[in-house]
Amino acid sequence: MMIERFHTRSIGPDEDALRAAFQYCGALLQARGCSTMGLAVHTKNNLDGAIRSVFGEDAIRVLDRDNKLDLKGITIQLLTEKIQLRKLEGPVLAAFMNPGKLTRIIACSGVTDVVFVPWAAEEHAAYVAAYPASQEIFRSPRFS
């Protein structure tokens, strides 16, 4: 099955973009009939800042400890360069990642969608160049 791809047009620790991407993953979960989504970051250190603000202190504490979190009937599974899964049925939110590392981190089978939130303008450009069919789901007014 082809993985559907989406992205935000945003840079830096953009909480609005991250929130939009998370809500979009929620809609994808319902549309796909799945109950698990991935949250892909480089390392657990990246759970600070904007990700902590959007997901909340308690959620991040559980993710940091257990690598997964049950939230209102859905499971959020953490994916990093060290934490890999063989199978994950559902969408993956790739937050502030280098697009070149996406395939290595999101290597599980069953992934339905990737929602990419770039950190830098050049990462946005690289992602869109690599996945020209990716659909923009959010555009930050700060992105020029």
Protein backbone atom coordinates (compact mmCIF):
# COMPACT_ATOMS: atom_id res chain seq x y z
CA MET A 1 0.00 0.00 0.00
CA MET A 2 1.24 3.48 -0.83
CA ILE A 3 1.95 5.73 2.11
CA GLU A 4 0.05 9.02 1.88
CA ARG A 5 2.17 12.05 2.69
CA PHE A 6 1.29 15.40 4.20
CA HIS A 7 3.31 18.30 5.57
CA THR A 8 3.09 21.68 7.21
CA ARG A 9 4.69 24.74 5.71
CA SER A 10 6.33 25.98 8.87
CA ILE A 11 9.73 26.40 10.47
CA GLY A 12 11.16 26.23 13.96
CA PRO A 13 9.29 25.19 17.08
CA ASP A 14 5.91 26.04 15.60
CA GLU A 15 3.28 24.86 18.08
CA ASP A 16 0.38 25.74 15.77
CA ALA A 17 1.87 23.62 12.99
CA LEU A 18 2.53 20.74 15.38
CA ARG A 19 -1.00 20.96 16.79
CA ALA A 20 -2.45 21.02 13.27
CA ALA A 21 -0.37 17.96 12.32
CA PHE A 22 -1.48 16.10 15.46
CA GLN A 23 -5.14 16.89 14.80
CA TYR A 24 -4.67 15.76 11.21
CA CYS A 25 -3.23 12.46 12.44
CA GLY A 26 -6.33 12.08 14.61
CA ALA A 27 -8.56 12.53 11.58
CA LEU A 28 -6.42 10.05 9.60
CA LEU A 29 -6.72 7.50 12.43
CA GLN A 30 -10.50 7.69 12.18
CA ALA A 31 -10.50 7.62 8.39
CA ARG A 32 -8.20 4.58 8.31
CA GLY A 33 -9.93 2.78 11.18
CA CYS A 34 -6.66 2.56 13.10
CA SER A 35 -5.98 3.11 16.79
CA THR A 36 -2.21 3.66 16.81
CA MET A 37 -0.16 6.58 15.53
CA GLY A 38 3.57 7.11 15.64
CA LEU A 39 5.39 10.17 16.89
CA ALA A 40 8.79 10.26 15.21
CA VAL A 41 11.61 12.42 16.57
CA HIS A 42 15.40 12.12 16.34
CA THR A 43 15.96 11.39 20.03
CA LYS A 44 14.02 11.61 23.27
CA ASN A 45 15.68 15.00 23.91
CA ASN A 46 13.48 16.36 21.14
CA LEU A 47 10.40 15.77 23.27
CA ASP A 48 11.14 19.07 24.99
CA GLY A 49 9.96 22.50 23.92
CA ALA A 50 7.14 22.68 21.39
CA ILE A 51 6.34 18.96 21.57
CA ARG A 52 6.01 19.14 25.35
CA SER A 53 3.78 22.22 25.03
CA VAL A 54 1.45 20.60 22.51
CA PHE A 55 1.20 17.12 24.05
CA GLY A 56 1.45 18.19 27.68
CA GLU A 57 3.77 17.41 30.56
CA ASP A 58 2.04 14.17 31.60
CA ALA A 59 1.93 12.75 28.08
CA ILE A 60 5.60 13.46 27.50
CA ARG A 61 6.59 11.92 30.85
CA VAL A 62 4.82 8.67 29.90
CA LEU A 63 6.28 8.66 26.36
CA ASP A 64 9.74 9.24 27.77
CA ARG A 65 9.34 6.37 30.22
CA ASP A 66 7.33 3.78 28.24
CA ASN A 67 7.92 4.87 24.60
CA LYS A 68 4.16 4.80 24.17
CA LEU A 69 1.09 6.46 25.54
CA ASP A 70 -2.59 5.59 25.62
CA LEU A 71 -4.67 8.69 25.10
CA LYS A 72 -8.46 8.63 24.82
CA GLY A 73 -8.60 5.30 23.02
CA ILE A 74 -5.61 5.84 20.77
CA THR A 75 -2.02 4.76 21.30
CA ILE A 76 0.84 7.10 20.49
CA GLN A 77 4.02 5.14 19.82
CA LEU A 78 7.36 6.90 20.04
CA LEU A 79 9.81 6.30 17.18
CA THR A 80 13.41 7.50 17.30
CA GLU A 81 16.75 6.54 15.79
CA LYS A 82 17.05 4.05 18.67
CA ILE A 83 13.41 3.04 19.16
CA GLN A 84 12.17 1.11 16.15
CA LEU A 85 9.05 -0.92 15.57
CA ARG A 86 8.56 -3.70 13.05
CA LYS A 87 4.88 -2.94 12.60
CA LEU A 88 2.72 0.11 13.17
CA GLU A 89 -0.74 0.35 11.66
CA GLY A 90 -1.61 4.00 11.31
CA PRO A 91 -0.17 7.43 10.55
CA VAL A 92 3.15 8.80 11.80
CA LEU A 93 3.71 12.40 12.85
CA ALA A 94 7.33 13.24 12.04
CA ALA A 95 8.19 16.25 14.16
CA PHE A 96 11.15 18.54 13.41
CA MET A 97 13.16 15.81 11.73
CA ASN A 98 15.78 15.74 9.07
CA PRO A 99 13.86 14.35 6.04
CA GLY A 100 16.90 12.25 5.12
CA LYS A 101 16.41 10.20 8.30
CA LEU A 102 12.68 9.65 7.86
CA THR A 103 12.98 6.34 6.04
CA ARG A 104 15.35 4.97 8.65
CA ILE A 105 13.12 5.95 11.57
CA ILE A 106 9.79 5.19 9.93
CA ALA A 107 10.84 1.74 8.80
CA CYS A 108 7.88 -0.15 10.27
CA SER A 109 5.42 -1.94 8.05
CA GLY A 110 1.77 -0.92 8.06
CA VAL A 111 2.31 2.85 8.21
CA THR A 112 -0.58 4.49 6.37
CA ASP A 113 0.51 8.12 6.31
CA VAL A 114 3.37 10.43 7.19
CA VAL A 115 2.64 13.95 8.44
CA PHE A 116 5.89 15.92 8.37
CA VAL A 117 6.53 19.08 10.40
CA PRO A 118 9.86 20.60 9.28
CA TRP A 119 12.28 22.46 11.52
CA ALA A 120 14.13 24.48 8.90
CA ALA A 121 13.12 25.96 5.57
CA GLU A 122 15.67 23.77 3.78
CA GLU A 123 14.17 20.66 5.39
CA HIS A 124 10.76 21.69 4.12
CA ALA A 125 12.28 22.15 0.65
CA ALA A 126 14.08 18.78 0.79
CA TYR A 127 10.93 16.97 1.90
CA VAL A 128 8.76 18.50 -0.81
CA ALA A 129 11.45 17.73 -3.39
CA ALA A 130 11.61 14.09 -2.22
CA TYR A 131 7.80 13.71 -1.99
CA PRO A 132 6.26 16.07 -4.55
CA ALA A 133 2.83 14.49 -4.07
CA SER A 134 2.78 15.42 -0.37
CA GLN A 135 -0.16 17.66 0.50
CA GLU A 136 0.21 20.80 2.56
CA ILE A 137 -2.15 20.75 5.55
CA PHE A 138 -1.08 23.90 7.37
CA ARG A 139 0.75 27.07 6.40
CA SER A 140 2.36 29.24 9.01
CA PRO A 141 2.00 32.98 8.49
CA ARG A 142 5.66 33.22 9.56
CA PHE A 143 6.87 31.04 6.71
CA SER A 144 8.14 33.18 3.87
